[in-house]
Amino acid sequence: MEFTAKLNYVRVSPQKVRLVLELIKGRRVEEALDTLLYNKHGIAPALYKLLRSAVENANYLSAEKGLDVDVDRLYVKRAIANEGPRMKRIRPAPQGRAYRYQRRIAHIELALEEKASTNGKGALATTVGEGKPSKRVLAKKKTPARKSVAKNKPAKKVVRGATKK
């Protein structure tokens, strides 16, 4: 099951938010929180708060619906920063003119999901398509042949100043 949290109308460029979101995509929640806590970008505290909100949403929904959700196995499945409405502004320019510029706004969405355990051992499962390749795939892949490495031979000494007659 997916647990989401959204943060709308944040006064920061979506491009700047995406830089930080790339750091936490696919990571476990604990690692993502640590990453955001010690990140120097200005948007990191807001994303930290949003991620904690998504974890609390998971706790709340698991209690309400009677689901058994292990918070330790949650990971960041999706982290998206979309563009919101732009604020148009005008800056004074030389000779009585005006330059227009736009202040960008971002809509941020985080989605968490629980990693499924395999074989009942409690091991974390990989996402679809990332498992062990089949034998057929392994047979097709050939390892490149190694080139023989030339032995290091001492360079020939050139005697300068000597002339042949």
N, C-alpha and C. Protein backbone atom coordinates (compact mmCIF):
# COMPACT_ATOMS: atom_id res chain seq x y z
N MET A 1 0.85 -1.18 0.00
CA MET A 1 0.00 0.00 0.00
C MET A 1 0.89 1.24 0.00
N GLU A 2 0.40 2.28 -0.64
CA GLU A 2 1.15 3.52 -0.79
C GLU A 2 0.63 4.58 0.19
N PHE A 3 1.55 5.27 0.81
CA PHE A 3 1.20 6.35 1.75
C PHE A 3 1.80 7.65 1.22
N THR A 4 0.95 8.68 1.08
CA THR A 4 1.43 9.91 0.44
C THR A 4 1.28 11.11 1.36
N ALA A 5 2.03 12.14 1.02
CA ALA A 5 1.92 13.45 1.67
C ALA A 5 2.23 14.49 0.61
N LYS A 6 1.49 15.59 0.63
CA LYS A 6 1.66 16.64 -0.38
C LYS A 6 1.92 17.98 0.29
N LEU A 7 2.71 18.78 -0.39
CA LEU A 7 2.99 20.14 0.05
C LEU A 7 2.82 21.04 -1.17
N ASN A 8 1.80 21.90 -1.14
CA ASN A 8 1.47 22.74 -2.28
C ASN A 8 1.86 24.18 -2.06
N TYR A 9 2.09 24.88 -3.15
CA TYR A 9 2.38 26.32 -3.17
C TYR A 9 3.60 26.69 -2.33
N VAL A 10 4.69 25.99 -2.56
CA VAL A 10 5.95 26.30 -1.87
C VAL A 10 6.69 27.32 -2.73
N ARG A 11 7.14 28.40 -2.13
CA ARG A 11 7.78 29.46 -2.89
C ARG A 11 9.25 29.16 -3.15
N VAL A 12 9.47 28.16 -3.95
CA VAL A 12 10.81 27.78 -4.37
C VAL A 12 10.68 27.15 -5.76
N SER A 13 11.70 27.27 -6.54
CA SER A 13 11.69 26.72 -7.89
C SER A 13 11.64 25.19 -7.84
N PRO A 14 10.82 24.57 -8.68
CA PRO A 14 10.77 23.10 -8.70
C PRO A 14 12.12 22.47 -9.03
N GLN A 15 12.92 23.15 -9.82
CA GLN A 15 14.24 22.65 -10.18
C GLN A 15 15.12 22.50 -8.94
N LYS A 16 15.04 23.46 -8.03
CA LYS A 16 15.83 23.38 -6.80
C LYS A 16 15.34 22.26 -5.89
N VAL A 17 14.04 22.04 -5.88
CA VAL A 17 13.48 20.97 -5.06
C VAL A 17 13.90 19.61 -5.60
N ARG A 18 13.91 19.48 -6.92
CA ARG A 18 14.27 18.20 -7.54
C ARG A 18 15.69 17.78 -7.20
N LEU A 19 16.59 18.76 -7.03
CA LEU A 19 17.97 18.44 -6.65
C LEU A 19 18.02 17.68 -5.34
N VAL A 20 17.19 18.08 -4.38
CA VAL A 20 17.18 17.43 -3.07
C VAL A 20 16.39 16.13 -3.12
N LEU A 21 15.29 16.11 -3.90
CA LEU A 21 14.47 14.91 -3.98
C LEU A 21 15.24 13.74 -4.61
N GLU A 22 16.15 14.05 -5.53
CA GLU A 22 16.95 12.99 -6.14
C GLU A 22 17.83 12.27 -5.10
N LEU A 23 18.16 12.97 -4.03
CA LEU A 23 19.00 12.36 -2.99
C LEU A 23 18.25 11.32 -2.17
N ILE A 24 16.92 11.44 -2.09
CA ILE A 24 16.17 10.54 -1.20
C ILE A 24 15.33 9.51 -1.94
N LYS A 25 15.20 9.61 -3.25
CA LYS A 25 14.39 8.64 -4.00
C LYS A 25 14.94 7.24 -3.84
N GLY A 26 14.06 6.30 -3.52
CA GLY A 26 14.46 4.90 -3.41
C GLY A 26 15.12 4.53 -2.10
N ARG A 27 15.36 5.47 -1.23
CA ARG A 27 16.03 5.17 0.05
C ARG A 27 15.02 4.79 1.13
N ARG A 28 15.53 4.10 2.13
CA ARG A 28 14.70 3.81 3.30
C ARG A 28 14.37 5.11 3.99
N VAL A 29 13.26 5.14 4.71
CA VAL A 29 12.79 6.37 5.35
C VAL A 29 13.83 6.89 6.34
N GLU A 30 14.43 6.01 7.09
CA GLU A 30 15.41 6.43 8.09
C GLU A 30 16.61 7.13 7.43
N GLU A 31 17.11 6.54 6.34
CA GLU A 31 18.23 7.14 5.62
C GLU A 31 17.82 8.48 5.00
N ALA A 32 16.61 8.54 4.46
CA ALA A 32 16.13 9.77 3.82
C ALA A 32 16.00 10.90 4.86
N LEU A 33 15.50 10.56 6.05
CA LEU A 33 15.38 11.58 7.10
C LEU A 33 16.76 12.10 7.51
N ASP A 34 17.73 11.20 7.63
CA ASP A 34 19.09 11.62 7.97
C ASP A 34 19.68 12.51 6.88
N THR A 35 19.43 12.13 5.64
CA THR A 35 19.94 12.92 4.51
C THR A 35 19.37 14.34 4.54
N LEU A 36 18.07 14.44 4.78
CA LEU A 36 17.42 15.75 4.79
C LEU A 36 17.82 16.56 6.01
N LEU A 37 18.06 15.89 7.12
CA LEU A 37 18.41 16.60 8.34
C LEU A 37 19.75 17.32 8.21
N TYR A 38 20.69 16.70 7.51
CA TYR A 38 22.03 17.27 7.39
C TYR A 38 22.30 17.90 6.03
N ASN A 39 21.24 18.17 5.27
CA ASN A 39 21.40 18.79 3.96
C ASN A 39 21.42 20.30 4.11
N LYS A 40 22.23 20.98 3.31
CA LYS A 40 22.38 22.43 3.47
C LYS A 40 21.42 23.25 2.60
N HIS A 41 20.65 22.60 1.70
CA HIS A 41 19.72 23.34 0.86
C HIS A 41 18.60 23.93 1.72
N GLY A 42 18.09 25.06 1.28
CA GLY A 42 17.06 25.76 2.05
C GLY A 42 15.74 25.03 2.13
N ILE A 43 15.44 24.18 1.16
CA ILE A 43 14.16 23.48 1.12
C ILE A 43 14.20 22.20 1.97
N ALA A 44 15.37 21.78 2.41
CA ALA A 44 15.53 20.51 3.13
C ALA A 44 14.67 20.42 4.40
N PRO A 45 14.58 21.48 5.24
CA PRO A 45 13.72 21.36 6.42
C PRO A 45 12.25 21.14 6.09
N ALA A 46 11.76 21.77 5.03
CA ALA A 46 10.36 21.57 4.62
C ALA A 46 10.15 20.15 4.12
N LEU A 47 11.13 19.61 3.39
CA LEU A 47 11.02 18.23 2.91
C LEU A 47 11.12 17.23 4.06
N TYR A 48 11.94 17.54 5.05
CA TYR A 48 12.05 16.70 6.24
C TYR A 48 10.69 16.60 6.93
N LYS A 49 10.04 17.75 7.07
CA LYS A 49 8.73 17.79 7.71
C LYS A 49 7.69 17.02 6.89
N LEU A 50 7.78 17.14 5.56
CA LEU A 50 6.85 16.45 4.67
C LEU A 50 7.05 14.94 4.75
N LEU A 51 8.29 14.50 4.82
CA LEU A 51 8.58 13.07 4.92
C LEU A 51 8.08 12.51 6.25
N ARG A 52 8.28 13.25 7.32
CA ARG A 52 7.75 12.81 8.63
C ARG A 52 6.23 12.73 8.59
N SER A 53 5.59 13.67 7.89
CA SER A 53 4.14 13.65 7.75
C SER A 53 3.68 12.40 7.00
N ALA A 54 4.42 12.00 5.96
CA ALA A 54 4.08 10.79 5.22
C ALA A 54 4.21 9.55 6.10
N VAL A 55 5.22 9.52 6.95
CA VAL A 55 5.40 8.39 7.88
C VAL A 55 4.25 8.35 8.88
N GLU A 56 3.86 9.52 9.38
CA GLU A 56 2.72 9.57 10.31
C GLU A 56 1.42 9.17 9.63
N ASN A 57 1.27 9.51 8.35
CA ASN A 57 0.10 9.06 7.59
C ASN A 57 0.08 7.54 7.50
N ALA A 58 1.25 6.94 7.32
CA ALA A 58 1.34 5.48 7.26
C ALA A 58 0.94 4.87 8.60
N ASN A 59 1.43 5.46 9.70
CA ASN A 59 1.06 4.96 11.03
C ASN A 59 -0.43 5.08 11.27
N TYR A 60 -1.00 6.22 10.91
CA TYR A 60 -2.41 6.48 11.15
C TYR A 60 -3.29 5.53 10.33
N LEU A 61 -2.97 5.39 9.04
CA LEU A 61 -3.78 4.51 8.19
C LEU A 61 -3.65 3.05 8.59
N SER A 62 -2.47 2.66 9.05
CA SER A 62 -2.31 1.27 9.49
C SER A 62 -3.15 1.00 10.73
N ALA A 63 -3.26 1.99 11.62
CA ALA A 63 -4.06 1.83 12.82
C ALA A 63 -5.56 1.86 12.49
N GLU A 64 -5.95 2.75 11.58
CA GLU A 64 -7.37 2.89 11.23
C GLU A 64 -7.89 1.68 10.45
N LYS A 65 -7.11 1.22 9.50
CA LYS A 65 -7.57 0.13 8.64
C LYS A 65 -7.13 -1.24 9.14
N GLY A 66 -6.39 -1.27 10.22
CA GLY A 66 -5.95 -2.54 10.79
C GLY A 66 -4.86 -3.21 9.97
N LEU A 67 -4.10 -2.43 9.23
CA LEU A 67 -3.00 -2.99 8.44
C LEU A 67 -1.78 -3.17 9.32
N ASP A 68 -0.97 -4.12 8.95
CA ASP A 68 0.27 -4.34 9.68
C ASP A 68 1.41 -3.71 8.88
N VAL A 69 1.74 -2.47 9.21
CA VAL A 69 2.79 -1.74 8.48
C VAL A 69 4.01 -1.61 9.39
N ASP A 70 5.14 -2.08 8.88
CA ASP A 70 6.40 -1.94 9.60
C ASP A 70 7.10 -0.68 9.10
N VAL A 71 7.21 0.31 9.97
CA VAL A 71 7.78 1.60 9.58
C VAL A 71 9.24 1.45 9.19
N ASP A 72 9.93 0.46 9.73
CA ASP A 72 11.34 0.26 9.40
C ASP A 72 11.54 -0.22 7.97
N ARG A 73 10.49 -0.78 7.36
CA ARG A 73 10.62 -1.27 5.99
C ARG A 73 10.04 -0.31 4.96
N LEU A 74 9.64 0.88 5.38
CA LEU A 74 9.13 1.86 4.42
C LEU A 74 10.29 2.49 3.65
N TYR A 75 10.04 2.77 2.37
CA TYR A 75 11.03 3.47 1.55
C TYR A 75 10.33 4.51 0.70
N VAL A 76 11.08 5.46 0.19
CA VAL A 76 10.53 6.54 -0.63
C VAL A 76 10.35 5.99 -2.04
N LYS A 77 9.10 5.74 -2.40
CA LYS A 77 8.81 5.17 -3.71
C LYS A 77 8.80 6.25 -4.78
N ARG A 78 8.18 7.38 -4.48
CA ARG A 78 8.04 8.45 -5.46
C ARG A 78 8.26 9.78 -4.79
N ALA A 79 9.00 10.66 -5.41
CA ALA A 79 9.24 12.02 -4.92
C ALA A 79 9.19 12.94 -6.12
N ILE A 80 8.14 13.76 -6.19
CA ILE A 80 7.89 14.58 -7.37
C ILE A 80 7.78 16.04 -6.97
N ALA A 81 8.35 16.92 -7.79
CA ALA A 81 8.17 18.36 -7.63
C ALA A 81 7.62 18.90 -8.94
N ASN A 82 6.36 19.28 -8.93
CA ASN A 82 5.72 19.85 -10.11
C ASN A 82 5.67 21.36 -10.00
N GLU A 83 5.47 22.01 -11.13
CA GLU A 83 5.40 23.46 -11.14
C GLU A 83 4.00 23.93 -10.82
N GLY A 84 3.91 24.93 -9.98
CA GLY A 84 2.64 25.55 -9.65
C GLY A 84 2.45 26.82 -10.46
N PRO A 85 1.49 27.65 -10.07
CA PRO A 85 1.30 28.91 -10.80
C PRO A 85 2.49 29.84 -10.58
N ARG A 86 2.79 30.62 -11.58
CA ARG A 86 3.91 31.56 -11.48
C ARG A 86 3.38 32.94 -11.10
N MET A 87 4.16 33.63 -10.28
CA MET A 87 3.80 35.00 -9.92
C MET A 87 4.58 35.93 -10.84
N LYS A 88 3.85 36.77 -11.56
CA LYS A 88 4.51 37.70 -12.47
C LYS A 88 4.85 38.97 -11.72
N ARG A 89 6.09 39.40 -11.85
CA ARG A 89 6.56 40.59 -11.15
C ARG A 89 7.27 41.51 -12.15
N ILE A 90 7.42 42.78 -11.77
CA ILE A 90 8.07 43.77 -12.62
C ILE A 90 9.20 44.42 -11.84
N ARG A 91 10.34 44.55 -12.50
CA ARG A 91 11.51 45.20 -11.90
C ARG A 91 11.81 46.47 -12.69
N PRO A 92 12.09 47.56 -12.00
CA PRO A 92 12.43 48.80 -12.72
C PRO A 92 13.71 48.62 -13.55
N ALA A 93 13.72 49.23 -14.71
CA ALA A 93 14.84 49.14 -15.62
C ALA A 93 15.29 50.55 -16.00
N PRO A 94 16.43 50.67 -16.64
CA PRO A 94 16.91 52.01 -17.01
C PRO A 94 15.96 52.73 -17.98
N GLN A 95 16.00 54.04 -17.93
CA GLN A 95 15.25 54.92 -18.82
C GLN A 95 13.75 54.70 -18.74
N GLY A 96 13.25 54.44 -17.54
CA GLY A 96 11.82 54.34 -17.32
C GLY A 96 11.17 53.07 -17.81
N ARG A 97 11.95 52.12 -18.25
CA ARG A 97 11.38 50.86 -18.72
C ARG A 97 11.17 49.90 -17.54
N ALA A 98 10.56 48.76 -17.84
CA ALA A 98 10.32 47.75 -16.81
C ALA A 98 10.66 46.37 -17.36
N TYR A 99 11.34 45.60 -16.55
CA TYR A 99 11.65 44.22 -16.92
C TYR A 99 10.71 43.31 -16.14
N ARG A 100 10.17 42.31 -16.84
CA ARG A 100 9.29 41.34 -16.18
C ARG A 100 10.10 40.13 -15.77
N TYR A 101 9.74 39.56 -14.64
CA TYR A 101 10.33 38.29 -14.22
C TYR A 101 9.25 37.49 -13.50
N GLN A 102 9.53 36.21 -13.31
CA GLN A 102 8.52 35.32 -12.73
C GLN A 102 9.08 34.62 -11.50
N ARG A 103 8.27 34.60 -10.46
CA ARG A 103 8.62 33.84 -9.25
C ARG A 103 7.94 32.48 -9.37
N ARG A 104 8.73 31.44 -9.26
CA ARG A 104 8.18 30.10 -9.45
C ARG A 104 7.69 29.51 -8.13
N ILE A 105 6.71 28.63 -8.26
CA ILE A 105 6.09 27.96 -7.12
C ILE A 105 6.08 26.47 -7.40
N ALA A 106 6.29 25.65 -6.38
CA ALA A 106 6.36 24.20 -6.55
C ALA A 106 5.26 23.50 -5.76
N HIS A 107 4.79 22.40 -6.31
CA HIS A 107 3.92 21.45 -5.62
C HIS A 107 4.74 20.18 -5.43
N ILE A 108 4.90 19.72 -4.20
CA ILE A 108 5.75 18.57 -3.90
C ILE A 108 4.90 17.41 -3.40
N GLU A 109 5.22 16.21 -3.88
CA GLU A 109 4.49 15.02 -3.45
C GLU A 109 5.47 13.90 -3.14
N LEU A 110 5.29 13.28 -1.97
CA LEU A 110 6.10 12.12 -1.56
C LEU A 110 5.19 10.92 -1.40
N ALA A 111 5.64 9.76 -1.86
CA ALA A 111 4.90 8.53 -1.68
C ALA A 111 5.82 7.48 -1.07
N LEU A 112 5.35 6.85 -0.01
CA LEU A 112 6.12 5.80 0.67
C LEU A 112 5.45 4.46 0.41
N GLU A 113 6.24 3.42 0.41
CA GLU A 113 5.70 2.08 0.27
C GLU A 113 6.54 1.12 1.11
N GLU A 114 5.92 0.05 1.54
CA GLU A 114 6.62 -0.94 2.36
C GLU A 114 7.26 -1.98 1.46
N LYS A 115 8.54 -2.26 1.70
CA LYS A 115 9.21 -3.30 0.93
C LYS A 115 8.76 -4.65 1.44
N ALA A 116 8.41 -5.52 0.53
CA ALA A 116 7.93 -6.85 0.89
C ALA A 116 9.11 -7.74 1.25
N SER A 117 8.91 -8.63 2.22
CA SER A 117 9.97 -9.58 2.58
C SER A 117 9.86 -10.80 1.68
N THR A 118 10.98 -11.45 1.43
CA THR A 118 11.00 -12.63 0.58
C THR A 118 11.43 -13.83 1.39
N ASN A 119 10.88 -14.99 1.05
CA ASN A 119 11.24 -16.28 1.67
C ASN A 119 10.98 -16.32 3.17
N GLY A 120 10.25 -15.36 3.69
CA GLY A 120 9.94 -15.35 5.10
C GLY A 120 11.14 -15.09 5.99
N LYS A 121 12.26 -14.71 5.42
CA LYS A 121 13.48 -14.48 6.20
C LYS A 121 13.58 -13.04 6.68
N GLY A 122 12.67 -12.19 6.23
CA GLY A 122 12.73 -10.80 6.63
C GLY A 122 13.67 -9.97 5.77
N ALA A 123 14.21 -10.58 4.72
CA ALA A 123 15.11 -9.85 3.83
C ALA A 123 14.29 -8.88 2.99
N LEU A 124 14.89 -7.77 2.63
CA LEU A 124 14.19 -6.78 1.83
C LEU A 124 14.15 -7.24 0.38
N ALA A 125 12.97 -7.15 -0.23
CA ALA A 125 12.82 -7.56 -1.62
C ALA A 125 13.24 -6.43 -2.54
N THR A 126 13.69 -6.81 -3.71
CA THR A 126 14.03 -5.80 -4.70
C THR A 126 12.78 -5.47 -5.49
N THR A 127 12.79 -4.33 -6.15
CA THR A 127 11.63 -3.93 -6.93
C THR A 127 11.56 -4.78 -8.17
N VAL A 128 10.44 -4.73 -8.87
CA VAL A 128 10.20 -5.58 -10.03
C VAL A 128 11.24 -5.29 -11.10
N GLY A 129 11.81 -6.35 -11.66
CA GLY A 129 12.78 -6.19 -12.73
C GLY A 129 14.21 -6.05 -12.25
N GLU A 130 14.42 -5.93 -10.95
CA GLU A 130 15.78 -5.78 -10.45
C GLU A 130 16.30 -7.06 -9.80
N GLY A 131 15.53 -8.13 -9.89
CA GLY A 131 15.94 -9.38 -9.26
C GLY A 131 17.08 -10.04 -10.01
N LYS A 132 17.28 -11.31 -9.70
CA LYS A 132 18.36 -12.06 -10.32
C LYS A 132 17.99 -12.34 -11.78
N PRO A 133 18.87 -12.10 -12.74
CA PRO A 133 18.53 -12.37 -14.13
C PRO A 133 18.43 -13.87 -14.38
N SER A 134 17.60 -14.25 -15.34
CA SER A 134 17.42 -15.67 -15.63
C SER A 134 18.67 -16.24 -16.29
N LYS A 135 18.72 -17.58 -16.37
CA LYS A 135 19.89 -18.25 -16.96
C LYS A 135 20.02 -17.89 -18.44
N ARG A 136 18.88 -17.72 -19.09
CA ARG A 136 18.88 -17.39 -20.51
C ARG A 136 19.58 -16.05 -20.74
N VAL A 137 19.31 -15.08 -19.86
CA VAL A 137 19.94 -13.77 -19.98
C VAL A 137 21.42 -13.87 -19.69
N LEU A 138 21.76 -14.69 -18.70
CA LEU A 138 23.17 -14.85 -18.35
C LEU A 138 23.95 -15.52 -19.47
N ALA A 139 23.31 -16.45 -20.19
CA ALA A 139 23.99 -17.15 -21.27
C ALA A 139 24.30 -16.21 -22.42
N LYS A 140 23.45 -15.24 -22.67
CA LYS A 140 23.64 -14.32 -23.79
C LYS A 140 24.77 -13.33 -23.53
N LYS A 141 24.97 -12.97 -22.29
CA LYS A 141 26.00 -12.00 -21.97
C LYS A 141 27.36 -12.68 -22.00
N LYS A 142 28.26 -12.13 -22.78
CA LYS A 142 29.60 -12.69 -22.85
C LYS A 142 30.55 -11.71 -22.19
N THR A 143 31.48 -12.27 -21.48
CA THR A 143 32.47 -11.41 -20.85
C THR A 143 33.50 -11.05 -21.91
N PRO A 144 33.94 -9.81 -21.95
CA PRO A 144 34.92 -9.43 -22.96
C PRO A 144 36.25 -10.14 -22.73
N ALA A 145 36.87 -10.52 -23.85
CA ALA A 145 38.15 -11.22 -23.76
C ALA A 145 39.21 -10.24 -23.27
N ARG A 146 40.05 -10.72 -22.40
CA ARG A 146 41.10 -9.85 -21.87
C ARG A 146 42.24 -9.76 -22.87
N LYS A 147 42.70 -8.58 -23.04
CA LYS A 147 43.84 -8.38 -23.93
C LYS A 147 45.11 -8.68 -23.15
N SER A 148 46.05 -9.28 -23.84
CA SER A 148 47.30 -9.59 -23.17
C SER A 148 48.06 -8.30 -22.90
N VAL A 149 48.60 -8.23 -21.74
CA VAL A 149 49.32 -7.04 -21.34
C VAL A 149 50.78 -7.20 -21.73
N ALA A 150 51.30 -6.22 -22.46
CA ALA A 150 52.70 -6.29 -22.89
C ALA A 150 53.60 -6.13 -21.68
N LYS A 151 54.69 -6.92 -21.71
CA LYS A 151 55.62 -6.84 -20.59
C LYS A 151 56.43 -5.56 -20.72
N ASN A 152 56.71 -5.01 -19.59
CA ASN A 152 57.50 -3.77 -19.60
C ASN A 152 58.95 -4.11 -19.94
N LYS A 153 59.39 -3.58 -21.07
CA LYS A 153 60.77 -3.78 -21.48
C LYS A 153 61.49 -2.46 -21.28
N PRO A 154 62.73 -2.53 -20.89
CA PRO A 154 63.46 -1.27 -20.73
C PRO A 154 63.65 -0.60 -22.08
N ALA A 155 63.55 0.70 -22.08
CA ALA A 155 63.71 1.46 -23.32
C ALA A 155 65.16 1.42 -23.76
N LYS A 156 65.36 1.49 -25.09
CA LYS A 156 66.72 1.49 -25.61
C LYS A 156 67.37 2.82 -25.27
N LYS A 157 68.62 2.72 -24.87
CA LYS A 157 69.34 3.92 -24.52
C LYS A 157 69.88 4.58 -25.78
N VAL A 158 69.66 5.85 -25.85
CA VAL A 158 70.17 6.60 -26.98
C VAL A 158 71.35 7.41 -26.48
N VAL A 159 72.48 7.22 -27.13
CA VAL A 159 73.67 7.96 -26.74
C VAL A 159 73.70 9.22 -27.57
N ARG A 160 73.67 10.32 -26.93
CA ARG A 160 73.68 11.59 -27.65
C ARG A 160 75.11 12.06 -27.87
N GLY A 161 75.28 12.68 -28.95
CA GLY A 161 76.59 13.23 -29.23
C GLY A 161 77.51 12.26 -29.98
N ALA A 162 77.22 10.99 -29.95
CA ALA A 162 78.04 10.01 -30.65
C ALA A 162 77.59 9.95 -32.09
N THR A 163 78.49 9.93 -32.97
CA THR A 163 78.16 9.87 -34.39
C THR A 163 78.71 8.58 -34.97
N LYS A 164 78.02 8.05 -35.94
CA LYS A 164 78.47 6.82 -36.60
C LYS A 164 79.30 7.22 -37.80
N LYS A 165 80.35 6.48 -38.07
CA LYS A 165 81.20 6.75 -39.23
C LYS A 165 81.23 5.60 -40.15
